[in-house]
């Protein structure tokens, strides 16, 4: 018997996406910066999230739908001084 057979396989999460859902829930209503795969960065208030999209309300009052597949990263927008 090898060490490999004795090791347990890695645990697969019971529910995929729970950590990202908690992250988005924490940011809802806050100013965020979204980096897109095109290199463009959009900022605004996170107004909603669903399985495939983010909804961001920009300063001009325009709500933008951003497909999650087009996103590289999401972070809190830097505080303006």
PDB file of N, CA and C in Angstrom:
ATOM      1  N   UNK A   1       0.842  -1.183   0.000  1.00  0.00           N
ATOM      2  CA  UNK A   1       0.000   0.000   0.000  1.00  0.00           C
ATOM      3  C   UNK A   1       0.885   1.243   0.000  1.00  0.00           C
ATOM      4  N   UNK A   2       0.578   2.190  -0.843  1.00  0.00           N
ATOM      5  CA  UNK A   2       1.380   3.400  -0.938  1.00  0.00           C
ATOM      6  C   UNK A   2       0.790   4.495  -0.080  1.00  0.00           C
ATOM      7  N   UNK A   3       1.599   5.543   0.146  1.00  0.00           N
ATOM      8  CA  UNK A   3       1.109   6.715   0.886  1.00  0.00           C
ATOM      9  C   UNK A   3      -0.065   7.358   0.155  1.00  0.00           C
ATOM     10  N   UNK A   4      -0.020   7.274  -1.152  1.00  0.00           N
ATOM     11  CA  UNK A   4      -1.067   7.889  -1.971  1.00  0.00           C
ATOM     12  C   UNK A   4      -2.434   7.271  -1.681  1.00  0.00           C
ATOM     13  N   UNK A   5      -2.481   5.972  -1.540  1.00  0.00           N
ATOM     14  CA  UNK A   5      -3.743   5.295  -1.284  1.00  0.00           C
ATOM     15  C   UNK A   5      -4.268   5.613   0.110  1.00  0.00           C
ATOM     16  N   UNK A   6      -3.362   5.882   1.035  1.00  0.00           N
ATOM     17  CA  UNK A   6      -3.760   6.165   2.413  1.00  0.00           C
ATOM     18  C   UNK A   6      -4.298   7.576   2.578  1.00  0.00           C
ATOM     19  N   UNK A   7      -3.930   8.485   1.701  1.00  0.00           N
ATOM     20  CA  UNK A   7      -4.377   9.876   1.807  1.00  0.00           C
ATOM     21  C   UNK A   7      -5.820  10.013   1.372  1.00  0.00           C
ATOM     22  N   UNK A   8      -6.541  10.872   2.057  1.00  0.00           N
ATOM     23  CA  UNK A   8      -7.926  11.152   1.688  1.00  0.00           C
ATOM     24  C   UNK A   8      -7.941  12.121   0.512  1.00  0.00           C
ATOM     25  N   UNK A   9      -8.914  11.980  -0.380  1.00  0.00           N
ATOM     26  CA  UNK A   9      -9.008  12.948  -1.490  1.00  0.00           C
ATOM     27  C   UNK A   9      -9.412  14.310  -0.940  1.00  0.00           C
ATOM     28  N   UNK A  10      -9.072  15.386  -1.661  1.00  0.00           N
ATOM     29  CA  UNK A  10      -9.456  16.722  -1.186  1.00  0.00           C
ATOM     30  C   UNK A  10     -10.969  16.832  -1.085  1.00  0.00           C
ATOM     31  N   UNK A  11     -11.420  17.559  -0.093  1.00  0.00           N
ATOM     32  CA  UNK A  11     -12.858  17.746   0.130  1.00  0.00           C
ATOM     33  C   UNK A  11     -13.412  18.741  -0.888  1.00  0.00           C
ATOM     34  N   UNK A  12     -14.463  18.352  -1.539  1.00  0.00           N
ATOM     35  CA  UNK A  12     -15.135  19.224  -2.506  1.00  0.00           C
ATOM     36  C   UNK A  12     -16.184  20.028  -1.753  1.00  0.00           C
ATOM     37  N   UNK A  13     -16.238  21.343  -1.958  1.00  0.00           N
ATOM     38  CA  UNK A  13     -17.246  22.155  -1.259  1.00  0.00           C
ATOM     39  C   UNK A  13     -18.660  21.655  -1.539  1.00  0.00           C
ATOM     40  N   UNK A  14     -19.497  21.700  -0.511  1.00  0.00           N
ATOM     41  CA  UNK A  14     -20.882  21.249  -0.671  1.00  0.00           C
ATOM     42  C   UNK A  14     -21.653  22.150  -1.612  1.00  0.00           C
ATOM     43  N   UNK A  15     -21.418  23.449  -1.521  1.00  0.00           N
ATOM     44  CA  UNK A  15     -22.129  24.412  -2.354  1.00  0.00           C
ATOM     45  C   UNK A  15     -21.100  25.347  -2.979  1.00  0.00           C
ATOM     46  N   UNK A  16     -20.955  25.262  -4.289  1.00  0.00           N
ATOM     47  CA  UNK A  16     -20.006  26.127  -4.982  1.00  0.00           C
ATOM     48  C   UNK A  16     -20.510  27.554  -4.989  1.00  0.00           C
ATOM     49  N   UNK A  17     -19.611  28.503  -4.866  1.00  0.00           N
ATOM     50  CA  UNK A  17     -19.973  29.907  -4.984  1.00  0.00           C
ATOM     51  C   UNK A  17     -20.404  30.568  -3.695  1.00  0.00           C
ATOM     52  N   UNK A  18     -20.372  29.858  -2.577  1.00  0.00           N
ATOM     53  CA  UNK A  18     -20.838  30.474  -1.337  1.00  0.00           C
ATOM     54  C   UNK A  18     -19.917  31.598  -0.887  1.00  0.00           C
ATOM     55  N   UNK A  19     -18.616  31.470  -1.123  1.00  0.00           N
ATOM     56  CA  UNK A  19     -17.711  32.537  -0.699  1.00  0.00           C
ATOM     57  C   UNK A  19     -17.881  33.782  -1.563  1.00  0.00           C
ATOM     58  N   UNK A  20     -18.096  33.617  -2.861  1.00  0.00           N
ATOM     59  CA  UNK A  20     -18.307  34.789  -3.712  1.00  0.00           C
ATOM     60  C   UNK A  20     -19.649  35.437  -3.402  1.00  0.00           C
ATOM     61  N   UNK A  21     -20.664  34.640  -3.096  1.00  0.00           N
ATOM     62  CA  UNK A  21     -21.969  35.199  -2.740  1.00  0.00           C
ATOM     63  C   UNK A  21     -21.862  36.032  -1.466  1.00  0.00           C
ATOM     64  N   UNK A  22     -21.105  35.558  -0.495  1.00  0.00           N
ATOM     65  CA  UNK A  22     -20.907  36.314   0.747  1.00  0.00           C
ATOM     66  C   UNK A  22     -20.137  37.597   0.472  1.00  0.00           C
ATOM     67  N   UNK A  23     -19.155  37.525  -0.415  1.00  0.00           N
ATOM     68  CA  UNK A  23     -18.363  38.708  -0.783  1.00  0.00           C
ATOM     69  C   UNK A  23     -19.258  39.766  -1.413  1.00  0.00           C
ATOM     70  N   UNK A  24     -20.077  39.363  -2.384  1.00  0.00           N
ATOM     71  CA  UNK A  24     -20.971  40.315  -3.044  1.00  0.00           C
ATOM     72  C   UNK A  24     -22.021  40.859  -2.076  1.00  0.00           C
ATOM     73  N   UNK A  25     -22.529  40.024  -1.195  1.00  0.00           N
ATOM     74  CA  UNK A  25     -23.523  40.470  -0.211  1.00  0.00           C
ATOM     75  C   UNK A  25     -22.939  41.546   0.702  1.00  0.00           C
ATOM     76  N   UNK A  26     -21.678  41.373   1.059  1.00  0.00           N
ATOM     77  CA  UNK A  26     -20.993  42.354   1.911  1.00  0.00           C
ATOM     78  C   UNK A  26     -20.808  43.689   1.192  1.00  0.00           C
ATOM     79  N   UNK A  27     -20.620  43.649  -0.122  1.00  0.00           N
ATOM     80  CA  UNK A  27     -20.367  44.865  -0.902  1.00  0.00           C
ATOM     81  C   UNK A  27     -21.627  45.542  -1.431  1.00  0.00           C
ATOM     82  N   UNK A  28     -22.772  44.884  -1.345  1.00  0.00           N
ATOM     83  CA  UNK A  28     -23.997  45.451  -1.917  1.00  0.00           C
ATOM     84  C   UNK A  28     -24.302  46.813  -1.290  1.00  0.00           C
ATOM     85  N   UNK A  29     -24.536  47.807  -2.158  1.00  0.00           N
ATOM     86  CA  UNK A  29     -24.812  49.170  -1.717  1.00  0.00           C
ATOM     87  C   UNK A  29     -23.565  50.010  -1.521  1.00  0.00           C
ATOM     88  N   UNK A  30     -22.383  49.401  -1.682  1.00  0.00           N
ATOM     89  CA  UNK A  30     -21.121  50.129  -1.514  1.00  0.00           C
ATOM     90  C   UNK A  30     -20.499  50.458  -2.862  1.00  0.00           C
ATOM     91  N   UNK A  31     -19.574  51.417  -2.843  1.00  0.00           N
ATOM     92  CA  UNK A  31     -18.847  51.790  -4.054  1.00  0.00           C
ATOM     93  C   UNK A  31     -17.819  50.704  -4.367  1.00  0.00           C
ATOM     94  N   UNK A  32     -17.834  50.250  -5.626  1.00  0.00           N
ATOM     95  CA  UNK A  32     -16.896  49.213  -6.059  1.00  0.00           C
ATOM     96  C   UNK A  32     -16.201  49.645  -7.345  1.00  0.00           C
ATOM     97  N   UNK A  33     -15.098  48.985  -7.629  1.00  0.00           N
ATOM     98  CA  UNK A  33     -14.381  49.141  -8.890  1.00  0.00           C
ATOM     99  C   UNK A  33     -14.342  47.755  -9.539  1.00  0.00           C
ATOM    100  N   UNK A  34     -14.790  47.667 -10.790  1.00  0.00           N
ATOM    101  CA  UNK A  34     -14.843  46.406 -11.519  1.00  0.00           C
ATOM    102  C   UNK A  34     -13.856  46.482 -12.673  1.00  0.00           C
ATOM    103  N   UNK A  35     -12.865  45.611 -12.665  1.00  0.00           N
ATOM    104  CA  UNK A  35     -11.879  45.534 -13.736  1.00  0.00           C
ATOM    105  C   UNK A  35     -12.378  44.518 -14.756  1.00  0.00           C
ATOM    106  N   UNK A  36     -12.511  44.935 -16.025  1.00  0.00           N
ATOM    107  CA  UNK A  36     -13.023  44.061 -17.079  1.00  0.00           C
ATOM    108  C   UNK A  36     -11.890  43.431 -17.872  1.00  0.00           C
ATOM    109  N   UNK A  37     -12.202  42.367 -18.597  1.00  0.00           N
ATOM    110  CA  UNK A  37     -11.181  41.688 -19.397  1.00  0.00           C
ATOM    111  C   UNK A  37     -10.636  42.575 -20.517  1.00  0.00           C
ATOM    112  N   UNK A  38     -11.359  43.631 -20.864  1.00  0.00           N
ATOM    113  CA  UNK A  38     -10.908  44.572 -21.895  1.00  0.00           C
ATOM    114  C   UNK A  38      -9.872  45.555 -21.350  1.00  0.00           C
ATOM    115  N   UNK A  39      -9.699  45.568 -20.011  1.00  0.00           N
ATOM    116  CA  UNK A  39      -8.795  46.514 -19.382  1.00  0.00           C
ATOM    117  C   UNK A  39      -9.522  47.721 -18.817  1.00  0.00           C
ATOM    118  N   UNK A  40     -10.779  47.900 -19.202  1.00  0.00           N
ATOM    119  CA  UNK A  40     -11.575  49.021 -18.705  1.00  0.00           C
ATOM    120  C   UNK A  40     -11.937  48.785 -17.240  1.00  0.00           C
ATOM    121  N   UNK A  41     -12.044  49.878 -16.481  1.00  0.00           N
ATOM    122  CA  UNK A  41     -12.445  49.797 -15.084  1.00  0.00           C
ATOM    123  C   UNK A  41     -13.713  50.625 -14.893  1.00  0.00           C
ATOM    124  N   UNK A  42     -14.769  49.989 -14.385  1.00  0.00           N
ATOM    125  CA  UNK A  42     -16.025  50.674 -14.110  1.00  0.00           C
ATOM    126  C   UNK A  42     -16.177  50.847 -12.608  1.00  0.00           C
ATOM    127  N   UNK A  43     -16.674  51.997 -12.194  1.00  0.00           N
ATOM    128  CA  UNK A  43     -16.910  52.237 -10.779  1.00  0.00           C
ATOM    129  C   UNK A  43     -18.357  52.641 -10.561  1.00  0.00           C
ATOM    130  N   UNK A  44     -18.848  52.387  -9.377  1.00  0.00           N
ATOM    131  CA  UNK A  44     -20.207  52.758  -9.016  1.00  0.00           C
ATOM    132  C   UNK A  44     -20.648  51.975  -7.796  1.00  0.00           C
ATOM    133  N   UNK A  45     -21.934  52.091  -7.481  1.00  0.00           N
ATOM    134  CA  UNK A  45     -22.493  51.367  -6.343  1.00  0.00           C
ATOM    135  C   UNK A  45     -23.000  50.013  -6.806  1.00  0.00           C
ATOM    136  N   UNK A  46     -22.646  48.968  -6.089  1.00  0.00           N
ATOM    137  CA  UNK A  46     -23.158  47.642  -6.406  1.00  0.00           C
ATOM    138  C   UNK A  46     -24.626  47.602  -6.002  1.00  0.00           C
ATOM    139  N   UNK A  47     -25.515  47.554  -6.992  1.00  0.00           N
ATOM    140  CA  UNK A  47     -26.943  47.611  -6.693  1.00  0.00           C
ATOM    141  C   UNK A  47     -27.611  46.252  -6.731  1.00  0.00           C
ATOM    142  N   UNK A  48     -26.932  45.247  -7.280  1.00  0.00           N
ATOM    143  CA  UNK A  48     -27.516  43.918  -7.306  1.00  0.00           C
ATOM    144  C   UNK A  48     -26.586  42.894  -7.928  1.00  0.00           C
ATOM    145  N   UNK A  49     -26.891  41.633  -7.632  1.00  0.00           N
ATOM    146  CA  UNK A  49     -26.099  40.519  -8.145  1.00  0.00           C
ATOM    147  C   UNK A  49     -27.050  39.365  -8.422  1.00  0.00           C
ATOM    148  N   UNK A  50     -26.826  38.679  -9.537  1.00  0.00           N
ATOM    149  CA  UNK A  50     -27.526  37.416  -9.736  1.00  0.00           C
ATOM    150  C   UNK A  50     -26.498  36.381 -10.154  1.00  0.00           C
ATOM    151  N   UNK A  51     -26.947  35.243 -10.586  1.00  0.00           N
ATOM    152  CA  UNK A  51     -26.035  34.143 -10.896  1.00  0.00           C
ATOM    153  C   UNK A  51     -24.992  34.508 -11.956  1.00  0.00           C
ATOM    154  N   UNK A  52     -25.366  35.332 -12.938  1.00  0.00           N
ATOM    155  CA  UNK A  52     -24.487  35.605 -14.065  1.00  0.00           C
ATOM    156  C   UNK A  52     -24.037  37.051 -14.201  1.00  0.00           C
ATOM    157  N   UNK A  53     -24.650  37.982 -13.479  1.00  0.00           N
ATOM    158  CA  UNK A  53     -24.401  39.400 -13.713  1.00  0.00           C
ATOM    159  C   UNK A  53     -24.250  40.193 -12.424  1.00  0.00           C
ATOM    160  N   UNK A  54     -23.589  41.362 -12.570  1.00  0.00           N
ATOM    161  CA  UNK A  54     -23.557  42.378 -11.515  1.00  0.00           C
ATOM    162  C   UNK A  54     -24.307  43.591 -12.052  1.00  0.00           C
ATOM    163  N   UNK A  55     -24.973  44.294 -11.164  1.00  0.00           N
ATOM    164  CA  UNK A  55     -25.650  45.530 -11.522  1.00  0.00           C
ATOM    165  C   UNK A  55     -24.959  46.659 -10.771  1.00  0.00           C
ATOM    166  N   UNK A  56     -24.413  47.611 -11.518  1.00  0.00           N
ATOM    167  CA  UNK A  56     -23.658  48.705 -10.925  1.00  0.00           C
ATOM    168  C   UNK A  56     -24.303  50.027 -11.318  1.00  0.00           C
ATOM    169  N   UNK A  57     -24.637  50.828 -10.306  1.00  0.00           N
ATOM    170  CA  UNK A  57     -25.212  52.148 -10.562  1.00  0.00           C
ATOM    171  C   UNK A  57     -24.070  53.156 -10.587  1.00  0.00           C
ATOM    172  N   UNK A  58     -23.877  53.767 -11.753  1.00  0.00           N
ATOM    173  CA  UNK A  58     -22.799  54.729 -11.915  1.00  0.00           C
ATOM    174  C   UNK A  58     -23.219  56.103 -11.412  1.00  0.00           C
ATOM    175  N   UNK A  59     -22.256  56.982 -11.285  1.00  0.00           N
ATOM    176  CA  UNK A  59     -22.469  58.315 -10.720  1.00  0.00           C
ATOM    177  C   UNK A  59     -23.588  59.075 -11.411  1.00  0.00           C
ATOM    178  N   UNK A  60     -23.720  58.929 -12.712  1.00  0.00           N
ATOM    179  CA  UNK A  60     -24.729  59.658 -13.485  1.00  0.00           C
ATOM    180  C   UNK A  60     -26.129  59.090 -13.278  1.00  0.00           C
ATOM    181  N   UNK A  61     -26.262  58.050 -12.462  1.00  0.00           N
ATOM    182  CA  UNK A  61     -27.553  57.425 -12.226  1.00  0.00           C
ATOM    183  C   UNK A  61     -27.874  56.305 -13.197  1.00  0.00           C
ATOM    184  N   UNK A  62     -26.955  56.020 -14.094  1.00  0.00           N
ATOM    185  CA  UNK A  62     -27.150  54.958 -15.078  1.00  0.00           C
ATOM    186  C   UNK A  62     -26.796  53.616 -14.429  1.00  0.00           C
ATOM    187  N   UNK A  63     -27.712  52.651 -14.545  1.00  0.00           N
ATOM    188  CA  UNK A  63     -27.420  51.322 -14.021  1.00  0.00           C
ATOM    189  C   UNK A  63     -26.861  50.470 -15.149  1.00  0.00           C
ATOM    190  N   UNK A  64     -25.719  49.830 -14.896  1.00  0.00           N
ATOM    191  CA  UNK A  64     -25.030  49.041 -15.902  1.00  0.00           C
ATOM    192  C   UNK A  64     -25.086  47.567 -15.497  1.00  0.00           C
ATOM    193  N   UNK A  65     -25.395  46.708 -16.458  1.00  0.00           N
ATOM    194  CA  UNK A  65     -25.390  45.273 -16.262  1.00  0.00           C
ATOM    195  C   UNK A  65     -24.045  44.755 -16.759  1.00  0.00           C
ATOM    196  N   UNK A  66     -23.297  44.080 -15.900  1.00  0.00           N
ATOM    197  CA  UNK A  66     -21.978  43.565 -16.274  1.00  0.00           C
ATOM    198  C   UNK A  66     -21.999  42.048 -16.135  1.00  0.00           C
ATOM    199  N   UNK A  67     -21.735  41.347 -17.224  1.00  0.00           N
ATOM    200  CA  UNK A  67     -21.676  39.885 -17.189  1.00  0.00           C
ATOM    201  C   UNK A  67     -20.462  39.454 -16.368  1.00  0.00           C
ATOM    202  N   UNK A  68     -20.646  38.506 -15.458  1.00  0.00           N
ATOM    203  CA  UNK A  68     -19.541  38.048 -14.615  1.00  0.00           C
ATOM    204  C   UNK A  68     -18.408  37.468 -15.447  1.00  0.00           C
ATOM    205  N   UNK A  69     -18.716  36.918 -16.622  1.00  0.00           N
ATOM    206  CA  UNK A  69     -17.688  36.367 -17.493  1.00  0.00           C
ATOM    207  C   UNK A  69     -16.752  37.421 -18.065  1.00  0.00           C
ATOM    208  N   UNK A  70     -17.144  38.687 -18.002  1.00  0.00           N
ATOM    209  CA  UNK A  70     -16.324  39.782 -18.519  1.00  0.00           C
ATOM    210  C   UNK A  70     -15.488  40.428 -17.422  1.00  0.00           C
ATOM    211  N   UNK A  71     -15.568  39.907 -16.193  1.00  0.00           N
ATOM    212  CA  UNK A  71     -14.908  40.530 -15.046  1.00  0.00           C
ATOM    213  C   UNK A  71     -13.607  39.824 -14.694  1.00  0.00           C
ATOM    214  N   UNK A  72     -12.570  40.638 -14.489  1.00  0.00           N
ATOM    215  CA  UNK A  72     -11.294  40.123 -14.002  1.00  0.00           C
ATOM    216  C   UNK A  72     -11.264  40.194 -12.483  1.00  0.00           C
ATOM    217  N   UNK A  73     -11.680  41.348 -11.925  1.00  0.00           N
ATOM    218  CA  UNK A  73     -11.669  41.505 -10.472  1.00  0.00           C
ATOM    219  C   UNK A  73     -12.721  42.527 -10.032  1.00  0.00           C
ATOM    220  N   UNK A  74     -13.107  42.389  -8.761  1.00  0.00           N
ATOM    221  CA  UNK A  74     -14.035  43.327  -8.124  1.00  0.00           C
ATOM    222  C   UNK A  74     -13.428  43.690  -6.790  1.00  0.00           C
ATOM    223  N   UNK A  75     -13.423  44.986  -6.482  1.00  0.00           N
ATOM    224  CA  UNK A  75     -12.906  45.428  -5.188  1.00  0.00           C
ATOM    225  C   UNK A  75     -13.654  46.668  -4.732  1.00  0.00           C
ATOM    226  N   UNK A  76     -13.532  46.958  -3.439  1.00  0.00           N
ATOM    227  CA  UNK A  76     -14.097  48.213  -2.945  1.00  0.00           C
ATOM    228  C   UNK A  76     -13.395  49.352  -3.662  1.00  0.00           C
ATOM    229  N   UNK A  77     -14.148  50.365  -4.034  1.00  0.00           N
ATOM    230  CA  UNK A  77     -13.544  51.525  -4.689  1.00  0.00           C
ATOM    231  C   UNK A  77     -12.701  52.257  -3.648  1.00  0.00           C
ATOM    232  N   UNK A  78     -11.546  52.755  -4.062  1.00  0.00           N
ATOM    233  CA  UNK A  78     -10.707  53.508  -3.113  1.00  0.00           C
ATOM    234  C   UNK A  78     -11.452  54.727  -2.581  1.00  0.00           C
ATOM    235  N   UNK A  79     -11.262  55.017  -1.325  1.00  0.00           N
ATOM    236  CA  UNK A  79     -11.897  56.209  -0.714  1.00  0.00           C
ATOM    237  C   UNK A  79     -11.330  57.453  -1.357  1.00  0.00           C
ATOM    238  N   UNK A  80     -12.218  58.391  -1.672  1.00  0.00           N
ATOM    239  CA  UNK A  80     -11.775  59.661  -2.271  1.00  0.00           C
ATOM    240  C   UNK A  80     -11.390  60.601  -1.149  1.00  0.00           C
ATOM    241  N   UNK A  81     -10.262  61.240  -1.318  1.00  0.00           N
ATOM    242  CA  UNK A  81      -9.774  62.165  -0.284  1.00  0.00           C
ATOM    243  C   UNK A  81     -10.164  63.578  -0.577  1.00  0.00           C
TER     244      UNK A  81
END
